[in-house]
N, C-alpha and C. Protein backbone atom coordinates (compact mmCIF):
# COMPACT_ATOMS: atom_id res chain seq x y z
N MET A 1 93.21 18.77 -7.51
CA MET A 1 94.23 19.35 -8.34
C MET A 1 93.94 18.99 -9.79
N THR A 2 93.94 19.97 -10.65
CA THR A 2 93.70 19.70 -12.06
C THR A 2 94.99 19.22 -12.71
N ILE A 3 94.85 18.59 -13.86
CA ILE A 3 96.02 18.10 -14.59
C ILE A 3 96.93 19.25 -15.00
N ASN A 4 96.33 20.42 -15.31
CA ASN A 4 97.15 21.57 -15.68
C ASN A 4 98.01 22.03 -14.51
N ARG A 5 97.45 22.03 -13.30
CA ARG A 5 98.24 22.43 -12.13
C ARG A 5 99.32 21.41 -11.83
N LEU A 6 99.01 20.15 -12.02
CA LEU A 6 100.02 19.11 -11.81
C LEU A 6 101.19 19.31 -12.75
N THR A 7 100.89 19.60 -14.00
CA THR A 7 101.95 19.85 -14.98
C THR A 7 102.78 21.06 -14.56
N ASP A 8 102.14 22.09 -14.06
CA ASP A 8 102.88 23.26 -13.58
C ASP A 8 103.79 22.90 -12.41
N TYR A 9 103.28 22.13 -11.47
CA TYR A 9 104.09 21.70 -10.32
C TYR A 9 105.30 20.89 -10.78
N LEU A 10 105.05 19.96 -11.70
CA LEU A 10 106.15 19.14 -12.20
C LEU A 10 107.18 19.98 -12.93
N ASP A 11 106.72 20.95 -13.70
CA ASP A 11 107.65 21.85 -14.40
C ASP A 11 108.48 22.67 -13.41
N HIS A 12 107.86 23.13 -12.33
CA HIS A 12 108.60 23.88 -11.30
C HIS A 12 109.64 22.99 -10.63
N MET A 13 109.29 21.76 -10.38
CA MET A 13 110.24 20.82 -9.77
C MET A 13 111.42 20.57 -10.71
N ARG A 14 111.12 20.38 -11.98
CA ARG A 14 112.18 20.15 -12.96
C ARG A 14 113.08 21.36 -13.08
N GLN A 15 112.51 22.55 -13.02
CA GLN A 15 113.32 23.77 -13.10
C GLN A 15 114.21 23.92 -11.87
N ALA A 16 113.68 23.59 -10.70
CA ALA A 16 114.48 23.67 -9.47
C ALA A 16 115.66 22.71 -9.53
N ILE A 17 115.44 21.52 -10.08
CA ILE A 17 116.53 20.57 -10.24
C ILE A 17 117.58 21.14 -11.19
N ALA A 18 117.14 21.68 -12.31
CA ALA A 18 118.07 22.27 -13.28
C ALA A 18 118.87 23.41 -12.65
N ASP A 19 118.21 24.24 -11.85
CA ASP A 19 118.89 25.35 -11.19
C ASP A 19 119.96 24.84 -10.21
N ALA A 20 119.60 23.82 -9.43
CA ALA A 20 120.55 23.26 -8.47
C ALA A 20 121.73 22.63 -9.18
N GLN A 21 121.46 21.92 -10.26
CA GLN A 21 122.55 21.30 -11.01
C GLN A 21 123.44 22.35 -11.68
N ALA A 22 122.85 23.40 -12.20
CA ALA A 22 123.64 24.46 -12.83
C ALA A 22 124.52 25.16 -11.80
N PHE A 23 123.97 25.37 -10.61
CA PHE A 23 124.73 26.04 -9.54
C PHE A 23 125.97 25.24 -9.16
N THR A 24 125.88 23.92 -9.18
CA THR A 24 126.99 23.08 -8.73
C THR A 24 127.81 22.48 -9.86
N GLU A 25 127.47 22.80 -11.09
CA GLU A 25 128.19 22.23 -12.23
C GLU A 25 129.68 22.57 -12.15
N GLY A 26 130.50 21.55 -12.27
CA GLY A 26 131.94 21.73 -12.24
C GLY A 26 132.54 21.86 -10.85
N MET A 27 131.71 21.81 -9.82
CA MET A 27 132.21 21.94 -8.45
C MET A 27 132.62 20.58 -7.91
N THR A 28 133.60 20.61 -7.03
CA THR A 28 133.91 19.44 -6.23
C THR A 28 133.12 19.58 -4.93
N GLN A 29 133.04 18.51 -4.15
CA GLN A 29 132.32 18.60 -2.89
C GLN A 29 132.94 19.66 -1.97
N PRO A 30 134.28 19.75 -1.85
CA PRO A 30 134.84 20.83 -1.00
C PRO A 30 134.47 22.23 -1.50
N ASP A 31 134.46 22.43 -2.83
CA ASP A 31 134.04 23.73 -3.37
C ASP A 31 132.60 24.04 -2.96
N PHE A 32 131.75 23.04 -3.10
CA PHE A 32 130.35 23.18 -2.74
C PHE A 32 130.19 23.54 -1.27
N GLU A 33 130.90 22.80 -0.41
CA GLU A 33 130.78 23.05 1.02
C GLU A 33 131.23 24.46 1.39
N GLN A 34 132.30 24.95 0.75
CA GLN A 34 132.77 26.30 1.03
C GLN A 34 131.72 27.35 0.62
N GLY A 35 131.16 27.23 -0.66
CA GLY A 35 130.17 28.19 -1.13
C GLY A 35 128.90 28.17 -0.34
N MET A 36 128.43 26.91 0.05
CA MET A 36 127.20 26.79 0.82
C MET A 36 127.40 27.28 2.24
N ARG A 37 128.57 27.01 2.81
CA ARG A 37 128.83 27.46 4.17
C ARG A 37 128.65 28.98 4.26
N ASN A 38 129.12 29.69 3.23
CA ASN A 38 128.95 31.15 3.20
C ASN A 38 127.48 31.54 3.17
N ARG A 39 126.65 30.77 2.49
CA ARG A 39 125.23 31.11 2.33
C ARG A 39 124.39 30.75 3.54
N ILE A 40 124.79 29.71 4.27
CA ILE A 40 123.91 29.23 5.34
C ILE A 40 124.48 29.43 6.74
N ALA A 41 125.58 30.12 6.84
CA ALA A 41 126.26 30.26 8.14
C ALA A 41 125.42 31.01 9.17
N HIS A 42 124.43 31.74 8.73
CA HIS A 42 123.67 32.57 9.65
C HIS A 42 122.31 31.96 9.97
N GLY A 43 122.32 30.80 10.62
CA GLY A 43 121.05 30.29 11.11
C GLY A 43 120.70 28.87 10.75
N TYR A 44 121.47 28.23 9.91
CA TYR A 44 121.13 26.87 9.51
C TYR A 44 122.24 25.91 9.91
N PHE A 45 122.54 25.86 11.19
CA PHE A 45 123.68 25.11 11.68
C PHE A 45 123.48 23.60 11.64
N ASP A 46 122.26 23.15 11.51
CA ASP A 46 122.00 21.71 11.54
C ASP A 46 122.02 21.06 10.16
N ILE A 47 122.34 21.80 9.14
CA ILE A 47 122.36 21.23 7.80
C ILE A 47 123.62 20.39 7.62
N ASP A 48 123.45 19.16 7.17
CA ASP A 48 124.56 18.27 6.89
C ASP A 48 124.91 18.43 5.41
N LEU A 49 126.00 19.14 5.14
CA LEU A 49 126.36 19.45 3.75
C LEU A 49 126.67 18.19 2.94
N ALA A 50 127.13 17.14 3.59
CA ALA A 50 127.38 15.89 2.87
C ALA A 50 126.07 15.30 2.35
N VAL A 51 125.01 15.42 3.13
CA VAL A 51 123.70 14.93 2.69
C VAL A 51 123.17 15.78 1.53
N VAL A 52 123.34 17.09 1.63
CA VAL A 52 122.90 17.97 0.55
C VAL A 52 123.67 17.64 -0.73
N TRP A 53 124.99 17.46 -0.61
CA TRP A 53 125.82 17.13 -1.78
C TRP A 53 125.36 15.81 -2.39
N ASP A 54 125.15 14.80 -1.56
CA ASP A 54 124.72 13.50 -2.06
C ASP A 54 123.37 13.60 -2.76
N THR A 55 122.49 14.41 -2.22
CA THR A 55 121.18 14.64 -2.85
C THR A 55 121.36 15.25 -4.24
N LEU A 56 122.22 16.25 -4.33
CA LEU A 56 122.47 16.90 -5.63
C LEU A 56 123.08 15.94 -6.64
N GLN A 57 123.95 15.08 -6.18
CA GLN A 57 124.68 14.20 -7.09
C GLN A 57 123.94 12.92 -7.46
N THR A 58 123.08 12.43 -6.57
CA THR A 58 122.44 11.14 -6.84
C THR A 58 120.92 11.21 -6.91
N ALA A 59 120.29 11.81 -5.93
CA ALA A 59 118.82 11.79 -5.89
C ALA A 59 118.19 12.70 -6.93
N LEU A 60 118.72 13.91 -7.11
CA LEU A 60 118.09 14.83 -8.05
C LEU A 60 118.18 14.35 -9.50
N PRO A 61 119.31 13.82 -9.97
CA PRO A 61 119.30 13.30 -11.34
C PRO A 61 118.28 12.18 -11.55
N THR A 62 118.15 11.31 -10.57
CA THR A 62 117.16 10.23 -10.67
C THR A 62 115.75 10.80 -10.67
N LEU A 63 115.48 11.76 -9.80
CA LEU A 63 114.17 12.40 -9.75
C LEU A 63 113.85 13.10 -11.05
N LYS A 64 114.85 13.77 -11.63
CA LYS A 64 114.63 14.46 -12.90
C LYS A 64 114.20 13.49 -13.99
N ILE A 65 114.86 12.35 -14.07
CA ILE A 65 114.48 11.33 -15.07
C ILE A 65 113.04 10.89 -14.84
N GLN A 66 112.67 10.67 -13.60
CA GLN A 66 111.30 10.25 -13.29
C GLN A 66 110.29 11.33 -13.65
N LEU A 67 110.60 12.58 -13.33
CA LEU A 67 109.69 13.68 -13.66
C LEU A 67 109.56 13.84 -15.17
N ASP A 68 110.67 13.76 -15.89
CA ASP A 68 110.64 13.85 -17.36
C ASP A 68 109.74 12.77 -17.94
N SER A 69 109.82 11.57 -17.37
CA SER A 69 108.99 10.46 -17.85
C SER A 69 107.51 10.75 -17.61
N ILE A 70 107.18 11.26 -16.45
CA ILE A 70 105.78 11.58 -16.13
C ILE A 70 105.26 12.66 -17.07
N VAL A 71 106.05 13.69 -17.28
CA VAL A 71 105.61 14.82 -18.12
C VAL A 71 105.43 14.38 -19.57
N SER A 72 106.27 13.47 -20.03
CA SER A 72 106.18 13.06 -21.43
C SER A 72 105.02 12.09 -21.72
N GLU A 73 104.40 11.57 -20.66
CA GLU A 73 103.27 10.63 -20.85
C GLU A 73 102.02 11.30 -21.31
């Protein structure tokens, strides 16, 4: 993998985080669960929405900081 492709991958990851955060901005967890339930009701029955919510609220912001640090180096 070239450094240019790595930068592209990191940029795509950062954009995906921004998109996920924008989608849930201002939502409460119950709001999120209702909107996601509508989107995934047809085939994704094993998804634990509490885990997805926790990922959005805790893991993605931390990952974004780490990715920003890597990109700025």
